[in-house]
Amino acid sequence: MKRGALLIPLSLIIAIVVSALAVVRTKHENRGLVTELEGLRSDRERLDMEWAQLQLEEATLANNNRVERIARNQLGMTEPNDYVIVEDKP
């Protein structure tokens, strides 16, 4: 057999092995990225739920009736009897 006749099949076998290793590596990386994506989606859902709860809490704490009750009871504030407008003079 000639040397050139062995070179072509050998180079094809090497190319097939390299290609197979590349496929395995790519699939492994893909699985890792899918796992990471699922974790990030889970984190996003948790953060969205926390954000909704915080918005509800903020709305509750900023309720006008609540603020007025705290101002009257805890801080002793009252509405003024007379309204006086003071203009700013330059």
PDB file of N, CA and C in Angstrom:
ATOM      1  N   MET A   1       0.825  -1.177   0.000  1.00  0.00           N
ATOM      2  CA  MET A   1       0.000   0.000   0.000  1.00  0.00           C
ATOM      3  C   MET A   1       0.871   1.243   0.000  1.00  0.00           C
ATOM      4  N   LYS A   2       0.369   2.215  -0.648  1.00  0.00           N
ATOM      5  CA  LYS A   2       1.113   3.465  -0.702  1.00  0.00           C
ATOM      6  C   LYS A   2       0.841   4.295   0.548  1.00  0.00           C
ATOM      7  N   ARG A   3       1.779   5.164   0.805  1.00  0.00           N
ATOM      8  CA  ARG A   3       1.676   6.016   1.996  1.00  0.00           C
ATOM      9  C   ARG A   3       0.492   6.975   1.868  1.00  0.00           C
ATOM     10  N   GLY A   4       0.217   7.488   0.693  1.00  0.00           N
ATOM     11  CA  GLY A   4      -0.899   8.408   0.465  1.00  0.00           C
ATOM     12  C   GLY A   4      -2.241   7.737   0.658  1.00  0.00           C
ATOM     13  N   ALA A   5      -2.325   6.450   0.381  1.00  0.00           N
ATOM     14  CA  ALA A   5      -3.585   5.728   0.530  1.00  0.00           C
ATOM     15  C   ALA A   5      -3.964   5.593   2.003  1.00  0.00           C
ATOM     16  N   LEU A   6      -3.017   5.522   2.900  1.00  0.00           N
ATOM     17  CA  LEU A   6      -3.311   5.441   4.333  1.00  0.00           C
ATOM     18  C   LEU A   6      -3.565   6.817   4.947  1.00  0.00           C
ATOM     19  N   LEU A   7      -3.021   7.829   4.320  1.00  0.00           N
ATOM     20  CA  LEU A   7      -3.128   9.185   4.869  1.00  0.00           C
ATOM     21  C   LEU A   7      -4.561   9.706   4.816  1.00  0.00           C
ATOM     22  N   ILE A   8      -5.274   9.447   3.760  1.00  0.00           N
ATOM     23  CA  ILE A   8      -6.646   9.950   3.623  1.00  0.00           C
ATOM     24  C   ILE A   8      -7.584   9.303   4.656  1.00  0.00           C
ATOM     25  N   PRO A   9      -7.641   7.977   4.776  1.00  0.00           N
ATOM     26  CA  PRO A   9      -8.524   7.400   5.801  1.00  0.00           C
ATOM     27  C   PRO A   9      -8.124   7.805   7.220  1.00  0.00           C
ATOM     28  N   LEU A  10      -6.835   7.905   7.476  1.00  0.00           N
ATOM     29  CA  LEU A  10      -6.383   8.308   8.807  1.00  0.00           C
ATOM     30  C   LEU A  10      -6.812   9.736   9.118  1.00  0.00           C
ATOM     31  N   SER A  11      -6.684  10.631   8.169  1.00  0.00           N
ATOM     32  CA  SER A  11      -7.095  12.019   8.391  1.00  0.00           C
ATOM     33  C   SER A  11      -8.606  12.112   8.541  1.00  0.00           C
ATOM     34  N   LEU A  12      -9.367  11.276   7.829  1.00  0.00           N
ATOM     35  CA  LEU A  12     -10.826  11.266   7.995  1.00  0.00           C
ATOM     36  C   LEU A  12     -11.220  10.746   9.376  1.00  0.00           C
ATOM     37  N   ILE A  13     -10.534   9.725   9.857  1.00  0.00           N
ATOM     38  CA  ILE A  13     -10.812   9.203  11.198  1.00  0.00           C
ATOM     39  C   ILE A  13     -10.509  10.261  12.256  1.00  0.00           C
ATOM     40  N   ILE A  14      -9.408  10.956  12.092  1.00  0.00           N
ATOM     41  CA  ILE A  14      -9.058  12.033  13.035  1.00  0.00           C
ATOM     42  C   ILE A  14     -10.113  13.133  12.992  1.00  0.00           C
ATOM     43  N   ALA A  15     -10.573  13.487  11.791  1.00  0.00           N
ATOM     44  CA  ALA A  15     -11.608  14.523  11.655  1.00  0.00           C
ATOM     45  C   ALA A  15     -12.898  14.088  12.319  1.00  0.00           C
ATOM     46  N   ILE A  16     -13.257  12.811  12.187  1.00  0.00           N
ATOM     47  CA  ILE A  16     -14.482  12.300  12.814  1.00  0.00           C
ATOM     48  C   ILE A  16     -14.362  12.347  14.333  1.00  0.00           C
ATOM     49  N   VAL A  17     -13.229  11.945  14.868  1.00  0.00           N
ATOM     50  CA  VAL A  17     -13.025  11.962  16.323  1.00  0.00           C
ATOM     51  C   VAL A  17     -13.077  13.395  16.850  1.00  0.00           C
ATOM     52  N   VAL A  18     -12.413  14.309  16.151  1.00  0.00           N
ATOM     53  CA  VAL A  18     -12.420  15.712  16.577  1.00  0.00           C
ATOM     54  C   VAL A  18     -13.837  16.267  16.516  1.00  0.00           C
ATOM     55  N   SER A  19     -14.563  15.940  15.465  1.00  0.00           N
ATOM     56  CA  SER A  19     -15.941  16.397  15.325  1.00  0.00           C
ATOM     57  C   SER A  19     -16.820  15.828  16.447  1.00  0.00           C
ATOM     58  N   ALA A  20     -16.653  14.557  16.768  1.00  0.00           N
ATOM     59  CA  ALA A  20     -17.438  13.940  17.837  1.00  0.00           C
ATOM     60  C   ALA A  20     -17.138  14.592  19.182  1.00  0.00           C
ATOM     61  N   LEU A  21     -15.869  14.868  19.446  1.00  0.00           N
ATOM     62  CA  LEU A  21     -15.503  15.546  20.694  1.00  0.00           C
ATOM     63  C   LEU A  21     -16.100  16.950  20.754  1.00  0.00           C
ATOM     64  N   ALA A  22     -16.130  17.631  19.627  1.00  0.00           N
ATOM     65  CA  ALA A  22     -16.720  18.974  19.581  1.00  0.00           C
ATOM     66  C   ALA A  22     -18.220  18.913  19.866  1.00  0.00           C
ATOM     67  N   VAL A  23     -18.895  17.892  19.335  1.00  0.00           N
ATOM     68  CA  VAL A  23     -20.330  17.726  19.588  1.00  0.00           C
ATOM     69  C   VAL A  23     -20.579  17.466  21.070  1.00  0.00           C
ATOM     70  N   VAL A  24     -19.784  16.595  21.673  1.00  0.00           N
ATOM     71  CA  VAL A  24     -19.944  16.280  23.093  1.00  0.00           C
ATOM     72  C   VAL A  24     -19.720  17.531  23.938  1.00  0.00           C
ATOM     73  N   ARG A  25     -18.684  18.278  23.627  1.00  0.00           N
ATOM     74  CA  ARG A  25     -18.385  19.504  24.394  1.00  0.00           C
ATOM     75  C   ARG A  25     -19.515  20.520  24.250  1.00  0.00           C
ATOM     76  N   THR A  26     -20.020  20.680  23.024  1.00  0.00           N
ATOM     77  CA  THR A  26     -21.107  21.630  22.782  1.00  0.00           C
ATOM     78  C   THR A  26     -22.365  21.236  23.533  1.00  0.00           C
ATOM     79  N   LYS A  27     -22.700  19.946  23.535  1.00  0.00           N
ATOM     80  CA  LYS A  27     -23.877  19.485  24.267  1.00  0.00           C
ATOM     81  C   LYS A  27     -23.711  19.703  25.765  1.00  0.00           C
ATOM     82  N   HIS A  28     -22.518  19.463  26.275  1.00  0.00           N
ATOM     83  CA  HIS A  28     -22.250  19.675  27.700  1.00  0.00           C
ATOM     84  C   HIS A  28     -22.425  21.155  28.058  1.00  0.00           C
ATOM     85  N   GLU A  29     -21.869  22.042  27.258  1.00  0.00           N
ATOM     86  CA  GLU A  29     -22.008  23.481  27.506  1.00  0.00           C
ATOM     87  C   GLU A  29     -23.473  23.893  27.420  1.00  0.00           C
ATOM     88  N   ASN A  30     -24.194  23.327  26.451  1.00  0.00           N
ATOM     89  CA  ASN A  30     -25.608  23.651  26.289  1.00  0.00           C
ATOM     90  C   ASN A  30     -26.412  23.242  27.523  1.00  0.00           C
ATOM     91  N   ARG A  31     -26.136  22.059  28.054  1.00  0.00           N
ATOM     92  CA  ARG A  31     -26.838  21.607  29.267  1.00  0.00           C
ATOM     93  C   ARG A  31     -26.553  22.539  30.442  1.00  0.00           C
ATOM     94  N   GLY A  32     -25.299  22.957  30.571  1.00  0.00           N
ATOM     95  CA  GLY A  32     -24.954  23.892  31.637  1.00  0.00           C
ATOM     96  C   GLY A  32     -25.685  25.218  31.490  1.00  0.00           C
ATOM     97  N   LEU A  33     -25.788  25.716  30.260  1.00  0.00           N
ATOM     98  CA  LEU A  33     -26.475  26.982  30.026  1.00  0.00           C
ATOM     99  C   LEU A  33     -27.981  26.860  30.267  1.00  0.00           C
ATOM    100  N   VAL A  34     -28.562  25.719  29.902  1.00  0.00           N
ATOM    101  CA  VAL A  34     -29.990  25.508  30.151  1.00  0.00           C
ATOM    102  C   VAL A  34     -30.255  25.472  31.658  1.00  0.00           C
ATOM    103  N   THR A  35     -29.391  24.821  32.400  1.00  0.00           N
ATOM    104  CA  THR A  35     -29.531  24.774  33.857  1.00  0.00           C
ATOM    105  C   THR A  35     -29.426  26.180  34.447  1.00  0.00           C
ATOM    106  N   GLU A  36     -28.463  26.939  33.977  1.00  0.00           N
ATOM    107  CA  GLU A  36     -28.301  28.315  34.453  1.00  0.00           C
ATOM    108  C   GLU A  36     -29.524  29.160  34.104  1.00  0.00           C
ATOM    109  N   LEU A  37     -30.060  28.976  32.898  1.00  0.00           N
ATOM    110  CA  LEU A  37     -31.247  29.717  32.471  1.00  0.00           C
ATOM    111  C   LEU A  37     -32.440  29.405  33.360  1.00  0.00           C
ATOM    112  N   GLU A  38     -32.643  28.148  33.692  1.00  0.00           N
ATOM    113  CA  GLU A  38     -33.747  27.768  34.573  1.00  0.00           C
ATOM    114  C   GLU A  38     -33.582  28.396  35.955  1.00  0.00           C
ATOM    115  N   GLY A  39     -32.359  28.419  36.456  1.00  0.00           N
ATOM    116  CA  GLY A  39     -32.116  29.072  37.742  1.00  0.00           C
ATOM    117  C   GLY A  39     -32.410  30.559  37.694  1.00  0.00           C
ATOM    118  N   LEU A  40     -32.022  31.202  36.608  1.00  0.00           N
ATOM    119  CA  LEU A  40     -32.285  32.637  36.464  1.00  0.00           C
ATOM    120  C   LEU A  40     -33.779  32.916  36.320  1.00  0.00           C
ATOM    121  N   ARG A  41     -34.490  32.044  35.628  1.00  0.00           N
ATOM    122  CA  ARG A  41     -35.943  32.217  35.512  1.00  0.00           C
ATOM    123  C   ARG A  41     -36.607  32.068  36.876  1.00  0.00           C
ATOM    124  N   SER A  42     -36.130  31.121  37.656  1.00  0.00           N
ATOM    125  CA  SER A  42     -36.665  30.932  39.004  1.00  0.00           C
ATOM    126  C   SER A  42     -36.399  32.168  39.857  1.00  0.00           C
ATOM    127  N   ASP A  43     -35.188  32.706  39.761  1.00  0.00           N
ATOM    128  CA  ASP A  43     -34.854  33.931  40.498  1.00  0.00           C
ATOM    129  C   ASP A  43     -35.742  35.092  40.062  1.00  0.00           C
ATOM    130  N   ARG A  44     -35.990  35.199  38.751  1.00  0.00           N
ATOM    131  CA  ARG A  44     -36.833  36.286  38.239  1.00  0.00           C
ATOM    132  C   ARG A  44     -38.248  36.167  38.796  1.00  0.00           C
ATOM    133  N   GLU A  45     -38.797  34.960  38.810  1.00  0.00           N
ATOM    134  CA  GLU A  45     -40.144  34.768  39.353  1.00  0.00           C
ATOM    135  C   GLU A  45     -40.194  35.147  40.831  1.00  0.00           C
ATOM    136  N   ARG A  46     -39.166  34.737  41.582  1.00  0.00           N
ATOM    137  CA  ARG A  46     -39.118  35.075  43.007  1.00  0.00           C
ATOM    138  C   ARG A  46     -39.025  36.577  43.199  1.00  0.00           C
ATOM    139  N   LEU A  47     -38.180  37.240  42.393  1.00  0.00           N
ATOM    140  CA  LEU A  47     -38.020  38.692  42.516  1.00  0.00           C
ATOM    141  C   LEU A  47     -39.281  39.434  42.073  1.00  0.00           C
ATOM    142  N   ASP A  48     -39.965  38.922  41.043  1.00  0.00           N
ATOM    143  CA  ASP A  48     -41.229  39.544  40.625  1.00  0.00           C
ATOM    144  C   ASP A  48     -42.262  39.462  41.744  1.00  0.00           C
ATOM    145  N   MET A  49     -42.312  38.312  42.418  1.00  0.00           N
ATOM    146  CA  MET A  49     -43.262  38.158  43.522  1.00  0.00           C
ATOM    147  C   MET A  49     -42.899  39.093  44.678  1.00  0.00           C
ATOM    148  N   GLU A  50     -41.609  39.185  44.972  1.00  0.00           N
ATOM    149  CA  GLU A  50     -41.160  40.085  46.048  1.00  0.00           C
ATOM    150  C   GLU A  50     -41.466  41.539  45.693  1.00  0.00           C
ATOM    151  N   TRP A  51     -41.272  41.905  44.422  1.00  0.00           N
ATOM    152  CA  TRP A  51     -41.549  43.271  43.972  1.00  0.00           C
ATOM    153  C   TRP A  51     -43.038  43.591  44.124  1.00  0.00           C
ATOM    154  N   ALA A  52     -43.905  42.641  43.763  1.00  0.00           N
ATOM    155  CA  ALA A  52     -45.348  42.856  43.910  1.00  0.00           C
ATOM    156  C   ALA A  52     -45.713  43.032  45.377  1.00  0.00           C
ATOM    157  N   GLN A  53     -45.104  42.240  46.257  1.00  0.00           N
ATOM    158  CA  GLN A  53     -45.378  42.368  47.686  1.00  0.00           C
ATOM    159  C   GLN A  53     -44.902  43.717  48.222  1.00  0.00           C
ATOM    160  N   LEU A  54     -43.743  44.170  47.747  1.00  0.00           N
ATOM    161  CA  LEU A  54     -43.226  45.468  48.188  1.00  0.00           C
ATOM    162  C   LEU A  54     -44.104  46.615  47.690  1.00  0.00           C
ATOM    163  N   GLN A  55     -44.611  46.500  46.480  1.00  0.00           N
ATOM    164  CA  GLN A  55     -45.509  47.541  45.977  1.00  0.00           C
ATOM    165  C   GLN A  55     -46.796  47.593  46.791  1.00  0.00           C
ATOM    166  N   LEU A  56     -47.314  46.428  47.148  1.00  0.00           N
ATOM    167  CA  LEU A  56     -48.510  46.375  47.982  1.00  0.00           C
ATOM    168  C   LEU A  56     -48.233  46.976  49.358  1.00  0.00           C
ATOM    169  N   GLU A  57     -47.089  46.646  49.923  1.00  0.00           N
ATOM    170  CA  GLU A  57     -46.720  47.197  51.231  1.00  0.00           C
ATOM    171  C   GLU A  57     -46.556  48.712  51.157  1.00  0.00           C
ATOM    172  N   GLU A  58     -45.939  49.193  50.089  1.00  0.00           N
ATOM    173  CA  GLU A  58     -45.771  50.641  49.932  1.00  0.00           C
ATOM    174  C   GLU A  58     -47.122  51.337  49.816  1.00  0.00           C
ATOM    175  N   ALA A  59     -48.035  50.752  49.041  1.00  0.00           N
ATOM    176  CA  ALA A  59     -49.366  51.344  48.892  1.00  0.00           C
ATOM    177  C   ALA A  59     -50.095  51.379  50.231  1.00  0.00           C
ATOM    178  N   THR A  60     -49.924  50.321  51.008  1.00  0.00           N
ATOM    179  CA  THR A  60     -50.568  50.268  52.326  1.00  0.00           C
ATOM    180  C   THR A  60     -49.981  51.322  53.259  1.00  0.00           C
ATOM    181  N   LEU A  61     -48.661  51.441  53.271  1.00  0.00           N
ATOM    182  CA  LEU A  61     -48.017  52.402  54.174  1.00  0.00           C
ATOM    183  C   LEU A  61     -48.261  53.846  53.757  1.00  0.00           C
ATOM    184  N   ALA A  62     -48.491  54.091  52.490  1.00  0.00           N
ATOM    185  CA  ALA A  62     -48.687  55.450  51.997  1.00  0.00           C
ATOM    186  C   ALA A  62     -50.157  55.852  51.968  1.00  0.00           C
ATOM    187  N   ASN A  63     -51.037  55.007  52.468  1.00  0.00           N
ATOM    188  CA  ASN A  63     -52.464  55.311  52.485  1.00  0.00           C
ATOM    189  C   ASN A  63     -52.696  56.601  53.267  1.00  0.00           C
ATOM    190  N   ASN A  64     -53.476  57.509  52.672  1.00  0.00           N
ATOM    191  CA  ASN A  64     -53.703  58.823  53.292  1.00  0.00           C
ATOM    192  C   ASN A  64     -54.319  58.721  54.677  1.00  0.00           C
ATOM    193  N   ASN A  65     -55.276  57.821  54.856  1.00  0.00           N
ATOM    194  CA  ASN A  65     -55.918  57.678  56.172  1.00  0.00           C
ATOM    195  C   ASN A  65     -54.907  57.237  57.222  1.00  0.00           C
ATOM    196  N   ARG A  66     -54.029  56.324  56.860  1.00  0.00           N
ATOM    197  CA  ARG A  66     -53.008  55.839  57.792  1.00  0.00           C
ATOM    198  C   ARG A  66     -52.055  56.971  58.172  1.00  0.00           C
ATOM    199  N   VAL A  67     -51.605  57.728  57.171  1.00  0.00           N
ATOM    200  CA  VAL A  67     -50.669  58.829  57.419  1.00  0.00           C
ATOM    201  C   VAL A  67     -51.321  59.886  58.306  1.00  0.00           C
ATOM    202  N   GLU A  68     -52.573  60.177  58.020  1.00  0.00           N
ATOM    203  CA  GLU A  68     -53.263  61.184  58.830  1.00  0.00           C
ATOM    204  C   GLU A  68     -53.441  60.693  60.270  1.00  0.00           C
ATOM    205  N   ARG A  69     -53.798  59.439  60.454  1.00  0.00           N
ATOM    206  CA  ARG A  69     -53.978  58.879  61.800  1.00  0.00           C
ATOM    207  C   ARG A  69     -52.666  58.941  62.593  1.00  0.00           C
ATOM    208  N   ILE A  70     -51.554  58.587  61.938  1.00  0.00           N
ATOM    209  CA  ILE A  70     -50.251  58.640  62.615  1.00  0.00           C
ATOM    210  C   ILE A  70     -49.891  60.081  62.950  1.00  0.00           C
ATOM    211  N   ALA A  71     -50.161  61.001  62.016  1.00  0.00           N
ATOM    212  CA  ALA A  71     -49.841  62.408  62.259  1.00  0.00           C
ATOM    213  C   ALA A  71     -50.618  62.949  63.454  1.00  0.00           C
ATOM    214  N   ARG A  72     -51.880  62.563  63.575  1.00  0.00           N
ATOM    215  CA  ARG A  72     -52.703  63.067  64.686  1.00  0.00           C
ATOM    216  C   ARG A  72     -52.347  62.373  66.013  1.00  0.00           C
ATOM    217  N   ASN A  73     -52.268  61.060  65.987  1.00  0.00           N
ATOM    218  CA  ASN A  73     -52.096  60.310  67.238  1.00  0.00           C
ATOM    219  C   ASN A  73     -50.658  60.312  67.762  1.00  0.00           C
ATOM    220  N   GLN A  74     -49.707  60.035  66.911  1.00  0.00           N
ATOM    221  CA  GLN A  74     -48.321  59.893  67.372  1.00  0.00           C
ATOM    222  C   GLN A  74     -47.561  61.215  67.381  1.00  0.00           C
ATOM    223  N   LEU A  75     -47.876  62.077  66.424  1.00  0.00           N
ATOM    224  CA  LEU A  75     -47.119  63.326  66.330  1.00  0.00           C
ATOM    225  C   LEU A  75     -47.881  64.530  66.875  1.00  0.00           C
ATOM    226  N   GLY A  76     -49.145  64.340  67.224  1.00  0.00           N
ATOM    227  CA  GLY A  76     -49.928  65.430  67.801  1.00  0.00           C
ATOM    228  C   GLY A  76     -50.215  66.556  66.817  1.00  0.00           C
ATOM    229  N   MET A  77     -50.252  66.261  65.565  1.00  0.00           N
ATOM    230  CA  MET A  77     -50.498  67.296  64.559  1.00  0.00           C
ATOM    231  C   MET A  77     -51.998  67.507  64.378  1.00  0.00           C
ATOM    232  N   THR A  78     -52.366  68.721  64.061  1.00  0.00           N
ATOM    233  CA  THR A  78     -53.767  69.048  63.783  1.00  0.00           C
ATOM    234  C   THR A  78     -53.819  69.957  62.567  1.00  0.00           C
ATOM    235  N   GLU A  79     -55.014  70.090  62.020  1.00  0.00           N
ATOM    236  CA  GLU A  79     -55.172  71.022  60.900  1.00  0.00           C
ATOM    237  C   GLU A  79     -55.203  72.438  61.462  1.00  0.00           C
ATOM    238  N   PRO A  80     -54.615  73.370  60.741  1.00  0.00           N
ATOM    239  CA  PRO A  80     -54.638  74.757  61.245  1.00  0.00           C
ATOM    240  C   PRO A  80     -56.061  75.324  61.190  1.00  0.00           C
ATOM    241  N   ASN A  81     -56.358  76.220  62.155  1.00  0.00           N
ATOM    242  CA  ASN A  81     -57.689  76.849  62.196  1.00  0.00           C
ATOM    243  C   ASN A  81     -57.849  77.855  61.073  1.00  0.00           C
ATOM    244  N   ASP A  82     -56.843  78.683  60.881  1.00  0.00           N
ATOM    245  CA  ASP A  82     -56.896  79.699  59.822  1.00  0.00           C
ATOM    246  C   ASP A  82     -55.824  79.389  58.806  1.00  0.00           C
ATOM    247  N   TYR A  83     -56.189  79.553  57.580  1.00  0.00           N
ATOM    248  CA  TYR A  83     -55.212  79.357  56.510  1.00  0.00           C
ATOM    249  C   TYR A  83     -54.645  80.712  56.133  1.00  0.00           C
ATOM    250  N   VAL A  84     -53.349  80.830  56.221  1.00  0.00           N
ATOM    251  CA  VAL A  84     -52.684  82.083  55.895  1.00  0.00           C
ATOM    252  C   VAL A  84     -51.685  81.777  54.782  1.00  0.00           C
ATOM    253  N   ILE A  85     -51.790  82.557  53.727  1.00  0.00           N
ATOM    254  CA  ILE A  85     -50.846  82.410  52.620  1.00  0.00           C
ATOM    255  C   ILE A  85     -49.771  83.458  52.783  1.00  0.00           C
ATOM    256  N   VAL A  86     -48.541  83.008  52.849  1.00  0.00           N
ATOM    257  CA  VAL A  86     -47.410  83.912  52.996  1.00  0.00           C
ATOM    258  C   VAL A  86     -46.683  83.945  51.675  1.00  0.00           C
ATOM    259  N   GLU A  87     -46.552  85.145  51.137  1.00  0.00           N
ATOM    260  CA  GLU A  87     -45.852  85.276  49.873  1.00  0.00           C
ATOM    261  C   GLU A  87     -44.383  85.516  50.133  1.00  0.00           C
ATOM    262  N   ASP A  88     -43.585  84.945  49.275  1.00  0.00           N
ATOM    263  CA  ASP A  88     -42.149  85.075  49.375  1.00  0.00           C
ATOM    264  C   ASP A  88     -41.735  86.410  48.732  1.00  0.00           C
ATOM    265  N   LYS A  89     -41.032  87.265  49.476  1.00  0.00           N
ATOM    266  CA  LYS A  89     -40.601  88.550  48.949  1.00  0.00           C
ATOM    267  C   LYS A  89     -39.126  88.445  48.563  1.00  0.00           C
ATOM    268  N   PRO A  90     -38.795  88.914  47.366  1.00  0.00           N
ATOM    269  CA  PRO A  90     -37.383  88.837  46.933  1.00  0.00           C
ATOM    270  C   PRO A  90     -36.450  89.736  47.668  1.00  0.00           C
TER     271      PRO A  90
END
